[in-house]
Amino acid sequence: MTDTNEQINKLRLELRRGIVVLAVLSQMDTARYGYSLIQRLAEQGLDIEEGTLYPLLRRLEQQGLLVSEWEVGET
C-alpha cells in the first residue's frame, strides 16, 4: 500500500470515529440503554458494535459530556 493510500485510510478511520461520536451524542436527548442506542443507530444506517459503543460512552462520561447511572433490576 502506498503512503497516500495509508494516509487516506487513516483519515477515513478518523472521520468514522468522529461520526460515531456525533451520532451517539445526537441520540442522547433522553436517557437510553446501550442496547436501545445500538438499535436506534442501526435503524438510521449506522451499525455500531457493543465493543465500540460502551468504551465510547465511558470516554464521553469522563469528558463530562454524558452522565450515566446503573439500574439493578430484579431477576
PDB file of N, CA and C in Angstrom:
ATOM      1  N   MET A   1       0.857  -1.169   0.000  1.00  0.00           N
ATOM      2  CA  MET A   1       0.000   0.000   0.000  1.00  0.00           C
ATOM      3  C   MET A   1       0.908   1.239   0.000  1.00  0.00           C
ATOM      4  N   THR A   2       0.537   2.215  -0.746  1.00  0.00           N
ATOM      5  CA  THR A   2       1.353   3.428  -0.822  1.00  0.00           C
ATOM      6  C   THR A   2       1.106   4.314   0.383  1.00  0.00           C
ATOM      7  N   ASP A   3       2.015   5.247   0.583  1.00  0.00           N
ATOM      8  CA  ASP A   3       1.856   6.202   1.695  1.00  0.00           C
ATOM      9  C   ASP A   3       0.567   6.991   1.564  1.00  0.00           C
ATOM     10  N   THR A   4       0.208   7.352   0.345  1.00  0.00           N
ATOM     11  CA  THR A   4      -1.024   8.116   0.113  1.00  0.00           C
ATOM     12  C   THR A   4      -2.239   7.289   0.509  1.00  0.00           C
ATOM     13  N   ASN A   5      -2.255   6.031   0.123  1.00  0.00           N
ATOM     14  CA  ASN A   5      -3.384   5.160   0.484  1.00  0.00           C
ATOM     15  C   ASN A   5      -3.470   4.970   1.993  1.00  0.00           C
ATOM     16  N   GLU A   6      -2.337   4.827   2.638  1.00  0.00           N
ATOM     17  CA  GLU A   6      -2.332   4.685   4.097  1.00  0.00           C
ATOM     18  C   GLU A   6      -2.870   5.941   4.770  1.00  0.00           C
ATOM     19  N   GLN A   7      -2.476   7.086   4.272  1.00  0.00           N
ATOM     20  CA  GLN A   7      -2.965   8.347   4.835  1.00  0.00           C
ATOM     21  C   GLN A   7      -4.467   8.488   4.637  1.00  0.00           C
ATOM     22  N   ILE A   8      -4.943   8.114   3.471  1.00  0.00           N
ATOM     23  CA  ILE A   8      -6.383   8.184   3.194  1.00  0.00           C
ATOM     24  C   ILE A   8      -7.144   7.244   4.119  1.00  0.00           C
ATOM     25  N   ASN A   9      -6.625   6.040   4.311  1.00  0.00           N
ATOM     26  CA  ASN A   9      -7.290   5.083   5.203  1.00  0.00           C
ATOM     27  C   ASN A   9      -7.311   5.586   6.643  1.00  0.00           C
ATOM     28  N   LYS A  10      -6.248   6.207   7.096  1.00  0.00           N
ATOM     29  CA  LYS A  10      -6.213   6.773   8.445  1.00  0.00           C
ATOM     30  C   LYS A  10      -7.230   7.909   8.578  1.00  0.00           C
ATOM     31  N   LEU A  11      -7.332   8.731   7.550  1.00  0.00           N
ATOM     32  CA  LEU A  11      -8.310   9.826   7.574  1.00  0.00           C
ATOM     33  C   LEU A  11      -9.733   9.288   7.597  1.00  0.00           C
ATOM     34  N   ARG A  12      -9.990   8.235   6.836  1.00  0.00           N
ATOM     35  CA  ARG A  12     -11.327   7.615   6.835  1.00  0.00           C
ATOM     36  C   ARG A  12     -11.672   7.077   8.220  1.00  0.00           C
ATOM     37  N   LEU A  13     -10.691   6.450   8.868  1.00  0.00           N
ATOM     38  CA  LEU A  13     -10.920   5.919  10.204  1.00  0.00           C
ATOM     39  C   LEU A  13     -11.223   7.050  11.187  1.00  0.00           C
ATOM     40  N   GLU A  14     -10.477   8.125  11.129  1.00  0.00           N
ATOM     41  CA  GLU A  14     -10.721   9.271  11.998  1.00  0.00           C
ATOM     42  C   GLU A  14     -12.090   9.893  11.733  1.00  0.00           C
ATOM     43  N   LEU A  15     -12.468   9.967  10.477  1.00  0.00           N
ATOM     44  CA  LEU A  15     -13.773  10.513  10.119  1.00  0.00           C
ATOM     45  C   LEU A  15     -14.887   9.637  10.685  1.00  0.00           C
ATOM     46  N   ARG A  16     -14.749   8.328  10.558  1.00  0.00           N
ATOM     47  CA  ARG A  16     -15.766   7.417  11.103  1.00  0.00           C
ATOM     48  C   ARG A  16     -15.861   7.569  12.615  1.00  0.00           C
ATOM     49  N   ARG A  17     -14.723   7.647  13.278  1.00  0.00           N
ATOM     50  CA  ARG A  17     -14.747   7.824  14.738  1.00  0.00           C
ATOM     51  C   ARG A  17     -15.491   9.096  15.120  1.00  0.00           C
ATOM     52  N   GLY A  18     -15.220  10.169  14.406  1.00  0.00           N
ATOM     53  CA  GLY A  18     -15.900  11.430  14.687  1.00  0.00           C
ATOM     54  C   GLY A  18     -17.390  11.348  14.434  1.00  0.00           C
ATOM     55  N   ILE A  19     -17.761  10.661  13.368  1.00  0.00           N
ATOM     56  CA  ILE A  19     -19.176  10.494  13.041  1.00  0.00           C
ATOM     57  C   ILE A  19     -19.878   9.680  14.117  1.00  0.00           C
ATOM     58  N   VAL A  20     -19.221   8.642  14.596  1.00  0.00           N
ATOM     59  CA  VAL A  20     -19.822   7.801  15.639  1.00  0.00           C
ATOM     60  C   VAL A  20     -20.048   8.618  16.910  1.00  0.00           C
ATOM     61  N   VAL A  21     -19.086   9.419  17.292  1.00  0.00           N
ATOM     62  CA  VAL A  21     -19.237  10.263  18.487  1.00  0.00           C
ATOM     63  C   VAL A  21     -20.419  11.204  18.307  1.00  0.00           C
ATOM     64  N   LEU A  22     -20.479  11.885  17.182  1.00  0.00           N
ATOM     65  CA  LEU A  22     -21.580  12.824  16.941  1.00  0.00           C
ATOM     66  C   LEU A  22     -22.925  12.109  16.869  1.00  0.00           C
ATOM     67  N   ALA A  23     -22.955  10.944  16.250  1.00  0.00           N
ATOM     68  CA  ALA A  23     -24.206  10.184  16.152  1.00  0.00           C
ATOM     69  C   ALA A  23     -24.698   9.775  17.533  1.00  0.00           C
ATOM     70  N   VAL A  24     -23.792   9.307  18.374  1.00  0.00           N
ATOM     71  CA  VAL A  24     -24.181   8.915  19.735  1.00  0.00           C
ATOM     72  C   VAL A  24     -24.685  10.123  20.507  1.00  0.00           C
ATOM     73  N   LEU A  25     -23.953  11.199  20.470  1.00  0.00           N
ATOM     74  CA  LEU A  25     -24.382  12.396  21.196  1.00  0.00           C
ATOM     75  C   LEU A  25     -25.720  12.920  20.680  1.00  0.00           C
ATOM     76  N   SER A  26     -25.964  12.786  19.400  1.00  0.00           N
ATOM     77  CA  SER A  26     -27.226  13.278  18.834  1.00  0.00           C
ATOM     78  C   SER A  26     -28.435  12.494  19.336  1.00  0.00           C
ATOM     79  N   GLN A  27     -28.205  11.281  19.823  1.00  0.00           N
ATOM     80  CA  GLN A  27     -29.308  10.437  20.295  1.00  0.00           C
ATOM     81  C   GLN A  27     -29.524  10.533  21.796  1.00  0.00           C
ATOM     82  N   MET A  28     -28.745  11.343  22.465  1.00  0.00           N
ATOM     83  CA  MET A  28     -28.803  11.382  23.917  1.00  0.00           C
ATOM     84  C   MET A  28     -29.712  12.486  24.446  1.00  0.00           C
ATOM     85  N   ASP A  29     -30.767  12.788  23.713  1.00  0.00           N
ATOM     86  CA  ASP A  29     -31.723  13.784  24.188  1.00  0.00           C
ATOM     87  C   ASP A  29     -32.547  13.245  25.354  1.00  0.00           C
ATOM     88  N   THR A  30     -32.625  11.929  25.474  1.00  0.00           N
ATOM     89  CA  THR A  30     -33.274  11.286  26.611  1.00  0.00           C
ATOM     90  C   THR A  30     -32.381  10.138  27.078  1.00  0.00           C
ATOM     91  N   ALA A  31     -32.617   9.669  28.281  1.00  0.00           N
ATOM     92  CA  ALA A  31     -31.833   8.551  28.820  1.00  0.00           C
ATOM     93  C   ALA A  31     -32.096   7.303  27.979  1.00  0.00           C
ATOM     94  N   ARG A  32     -31.040   6.578  27.690  1.00  0.00           N
ATOM     95  CA  ARG A  32     -31.152   5.372  26.874  1.00  0.00           C
ATOM     96  C   ARG A  32     -30.242   4.290  27.418  1.00  0.00           C
ATOM     97  N   TYR A  33     -30.665   3.066  27.212  1.00  0.00           N
ATOM     98  CA  TYR A  33     -29.802   1.927  27.461  1.00  0.00           C
ATOM     99  C   TYR A  33     -28.894   1.761  26.249  1.00  0.00           C
ATOM    100  N   GLY A  34     -27.724   1.196  26.470  1.00  0.00           N
ATOM    101  CA  GLY A  34     -26.784   0.992  25.373  1.00  0.00           C
ATOM    102  C   GLY A  34     -27.380   0.180  24.249  1.00  0.00           C
ATOM    103  N   TYR A  35     -28.103  -0.901  24.595  1.00  0.00           N
ATOM    104  CA  TYR A  35     -28.679  -1.765  23.568  1.00  0.00           C
ATOM    105  C   TYR A  35     -29.680  -1.013  22.695  1.00  0.00           C
ATOM    106  N   SER A  36     -30.527  -0.199  23.310  1.00  0.00           N
ATOM    107  CA  SER A  36     -31.509   0.548  22.522  1.00  0.00           C
ATOM    108  C   SER A  36     -30.827   1.610  21.663  1.00  0.00           C
ATOM    109  N   LEU A  37     -29.711   2.140  22.149  1.00  0.00           N
ATOM    110  CA  LEU A  37     -28.941   3.096  21.362  1.00  0.00           C
ATOM    111  C   LEU A  37     -28.347   2.424  20.128  1.00  0.00           C
ATOM    112  N   ILE A  38     -27.825   1.223  20.302  1.00  0.00           N
ATOM    113  CA  ILE A  38     -27.304   0.457  19.166  1.00  0.00           C
ATOM    114  C   ILE A  38     -28.398   0.214  18.145  1.00  0.00           C
ATOM    115  N   GLN A  39     -29.572  -0.198  18.620  1.00  0.00           N
ATOM    116  CA  GLN A  39     -30.698  -0.453  17.713  1.00  0.00           C
ATOM    117  C   GLN A  39     -31.120   0.812  16.979  1.00  0.00           C
ATOM    118  N   ARG A  40     -31.237   1.895  17.698  1.00  0.00           N
ATOM    119  CA  ARG A  40     -31.690   3.159  17.091  1.00  0.00           C
ATOM    120  C   ARG A  40     -30.720   3.638  16.017  1.00  0.00           C
ATOM    121  N   LEU A  41     -29.427   3.574  16.302  1.00  0.00           N
ATOM    122  CA  LEU A  41     -28.436   3.991  15.312  1.00  0.00           C
ATOM    123  C   LEU A  41     -28.433   3.058  14.112  1.00  0.00           C
ATOM    124  N   ALA A  42     -28.636   1.762  14.345  1.00  0.00           N
ATOM    125  CA  ALA A  42     -28.700   0.804  13.234  1.00  0.00           C
ATOM    126  C   ALA A  42     -29.901   1.102  12.329  1.00  0.00           C
ATOM    127  N   GLU A  43     -31.031   1.485  12.936  1.00  0.00           N
ATOM    128  CA  GLU A  43     -32.209   1.858  12.149  1.00  0.00           C
ATOM    129  C   GLU A  43     -31.923   3.050  11.251  1.00  0.00           C
ATOM    130  N   GLN A  44     -30.992   3.890  11.679  1.00  0.00           N
ATOM    131  CA  GLN A  44     -30.641   5.080  10.912  1.00  0.00           C
ATOM    132  C   GLN A  44     -29.439   4.848  10.003  1.00  0.00           C
ATOM    133  N   GLY A  45     -29.001   3.575   9.912  1.00  0.00           N
ATOM    134  CA  GLY A  45     -27.945   3.222   8.968  1.00  0.00           C
ATOM    135  C   GLY A  45     -26.531   3.228   9.507  1.00  0.00           C
ATOM    136  N   LEU A  46     -26.376   3.340  10.819  1.00  0.00           N
ATOM    137  CA  LEU A  46     -25.038   3.355  11.399  1.00  0.00           C
ATOM    138  C   LEU A  46     -24.902   2.172  12.359  1.00  0.00           C
ATOM    139  N   ASP A  47     -24.217   1.139  11.917  1.00  0.00           N
ATOM    140  CA  ASP A  47     -24.021  -0.039  12.755  1.00  0.00           C
ATOM    141  C   ASP A  47     -22.832   0.174  13.680  1.00  0.00           C
ATOM    142  N   ILE A  48     -23.079  -0.002  14.969  1.00  0.00           N
ATOM    143  CA  ILE A  48     -22.036   0.143  15.989  1.00  0.00           C
ATOM    144  C   ILE A  48     -22.068  -1.112  16.845  1.00  0.00           C
ATOM    145  N   GLU A  49     -20.906  -1.684  17.070  1.00  0.00           N
ATOM    146  CA  GLU A  49     -20.819  -2.870  17.909  1.00  0.00           C
ATOM    147  C   GLU A  49     -20.704  -2.468  19.376  1.00  0.00           C
ATOM    148  N   GLU A  50     -21.105  -3.383  20.249  1.00  0.00           N
ATOM    149  CA  GLU A  50     -21.039  -3.118  21.691  1.00  0.00           C
ATOM    150  C   GLU A  50     -19.616  -2.777  22.116  1.00  0.00           C
ATOM    151  N   GLY A  51     -18.641  -3.455  21.534  1.00  0.00           N
ATOM    152  CA  GLY A  51     -17.250  -3.225  21.876  1.00  0.00           C
ATOM    153  C   GLY A  51     -16.751  -1.843  21.484  1.00  0.00           C
ATOM    154  N   THR A  52     -17.488  -1.178  20.638  1.00  0.00           N
ATOM    155  CA  THR A  52     -17.181   0.195  20.259  1.00  0.00           C
ATOM    156  C   THR A  52     -17.991   1.176  21.101  1.00  0.00           C
ATOM    157  N   LEU A  53     -19.265   0.869  21.290  1.00  0.00           N
ATOM    158  CA  LEU A  53     -20.163   1.807  21.961  1.00  0.00           C
ATOM    159  C   LEU A  53     -19.847   2.008  23.435  1.00  0.00           C
ATOM    160  N   TYR A  54     -19.697   0.931  24.180  1.00  0.00           N
ATOM    161  CA  TYR A  54     -19.556   1.079  25.620  1.00  0.00           C
ATOM    162  C   TYR A  54     -18.269   1.796  26.032  1.00  0.00           C
ATOM    163  N   PRO A  55     -17.132   1.493  25.411  1.00  0.00           N
ATOM    164  CA  PRO A  55     -15.948   2.308  25.730  1.00  0.00           C
ATOM    165  C   PRO A  55     -16.133   3.782  25.340  1.00  0.00           C
ATOM    166  N   LEU A  56     -16.833   4.021  24.227  1.00  0.00           N
ATOM    167  CA  LEU A  56     -17.105   5.395  23.808  1.00  0.00           C
ATOM    168  C   LEU A  56     -17.965   6.106  24.848  1.00  0.00           C
ATOM    169  N   LEU A  57     -18.991   5.438  25.348  1.00  0.00           N
ATOM    170  CA  LEU A  57     -19.855   6.051  26.358  1.00  0.00           C
ATOM    171  C   LEU A  57     -19.071   6.364  27.628  1.00  0.00           C
ATOM    172  N   ARG A  58     -18.197   5.463  28.038  1.00  0.00           N
ATOM    173  CA  ARG A  58     -17.363   5.727  29.227  1.00  0.00           C
ATOM    174  C   ARG A  58     -16.450   6.928  28.988  1.00  0.00           C
ATOM    175  N   ARG A  59     -15.870   7.003  27.791  1.00  0.00           N
ATOM    176  CA  ARG A  59     -14.977   8.130  27.468  1.00  0.00           C
ATOM    177  C   ARG A  59     -15.745   9.453  27.463  1.00  0.00           C
ATOM    178  N   LEU A  60     -16.941   9.451  26.889  1.00  0.00           N
ATOM    179  CA  LEU A  60     -17.758  10.666  26.863  1.00  0.00           C
ATOM    180  C   LEU A  60     -18.165  11.085  28.270  1.00  0.00           C
ATOM    181  N   GLU A  61     -18.397  10.105  29.131  1.00  0.00           N
ATOM    182  CA  GLU A  61     -18.731  10.431  30.515  1.00  0.00           C
ATOM    183  C   GLU A  61     -17.518  11.029  31.230  1.00  0.00           C
ATOM    184  N   GLN A  62     -16.341  10.469  30.998  1.00  0.00           N
ATOM    185  CA  GLN A  62     -15.123  11.013  31.606  1.00  0.00           C
ATOM    186  C   GLN A  62     -14.860  12.441  31.138  1.00  0.00           C
ATOM    187  N   GLN A  63     -15.274  12.756  29.919  1.00  0.00           N
ATOM    188  CA  GLN A  63     -15.094  14.099  29.378  1.00  0.00           C
ATOM    189  C   GLN A  63     -16.184  15.056  29.854  1.00  0.00           C
ATOM    190  N   GLY A  64     -17.144  14.549  30.603  1.00  0.00           N
ATOM    191  CA  GLY A  64     -18.210  15.385  31.126  1.00  0.00           C
ATOM    192  C   GLY A  64     -19.335  15.642  30.135  1.00  0.00           C
ATOM    193  N   LEU A  65     -19.383  14.878  29.052  1.00  0.00           N
ATOM    194  CA  LEU A  65     -20.418  15.083  28.043  1.00  0.00           C
ATOM    195  C   LEU A  65     -21.667  14.241  28.294  1.00  0.00           C
ATOM    196  N   LEU A  66     -21.531  13.205  29.124  1.00  0.00           N
ATOM    197  CA  LEU A  66     -22.656  12.337  29.465  1.00  0.00           C
ATOM    198  C   LEU A  66     -22.628  12.050  30.954  1.00  0.00           C
ATOM    199  N   VAL A  67     -23.782  11.691  31.466  1.00  0.00           N
ATOM    200  CA  VAL A  67     -23.887  11.208  32.834  1.00  0.00           C
ATOM    201  C   VAL A  67     -24.587   9.862  32.759  1.00  0.00           C
ATOM    202  N   SER A  68     -24.035   8.876  33.441  1.00  0.00           N
ATOM    203  CA  SER A  68     -24.665   7.564  33.413  1.00  0.00           C
ATOM    204  C   SER A  68     -25.047   7.148  34.817  1.00  0.00           C
ATOM    205  N   GLU A  69     -25.931   6.186  34.877  1.00  0.00           N
ATOM    206  CA  GLU A  69     -26.317   5.618  36.151  1.00  0.00           C
ATOM    207  C   GLU A  69     -26.632   4.137  35.946  1.00  0.00           C
ATOM    208  N   TRP A  70     -26.395   3.376  36.964  1.00  0.00           N
ATOM    209  CA  TRP A  70     -26.660   1.938  36.901  1.00  0.00           C
ATOM    210  C   TRP A  70     -28.003   1.660  37.522  1.00  0.00           C
ATOM    211  N   GLU A  71     -28.780   0.803  36.872  1.00  0.00           N
ATOM    212  CA  GLU A  71     -30.041   0.344  37.425  1.00  0.00           C
ATOM    213  C   GLU A  71     -29.924  -1.154  37.618  1.00  0.00           C
ATOM    214  N   VAL A  72     -30.253  -1.602  38.790  1.00  0.00           N
ATOM    215  CA  VAL A  72     -30.209  -3.038  39.058  1.00  0.00           C
ATOM    216  C   VAL A  72     -31.651  -3.505  39.154  1.00  0.00           C
ATOM    217  N   GLY A  73     -31.995  -4.406  38.255  1.00  0.00           N
ATOM    218  CA  GLY A  73     -33.358  -4.924  38.247  1.00  0.00           C
ATOM    219  C   GLY A  73     -33.449  -6.238  38.982  1.00  0.00           C
ATOM    220  N   GLU A  74     -34.658  -6.627  39.282  1.00  0.00           N
ATOM    221  CA  GLU A  74     -34.876  -7.908  39.950  1.00  0.00           C
ATOM    222  C   GLU A  74     -34.768  -9.019  38.930  1.00  0.00           C
ATOM    223  N   THR A  75     -34.187 -10.128  39.355  1.00  0.00           N
ATOM    224  CA  THR A  75     -34.074 -11.291  38.455  1.00  0.00           C
ATOM    225  C   THR A  75     -34.892 -12.434  38.928  1.00  0.00           C
TER     226      THR A  75
END
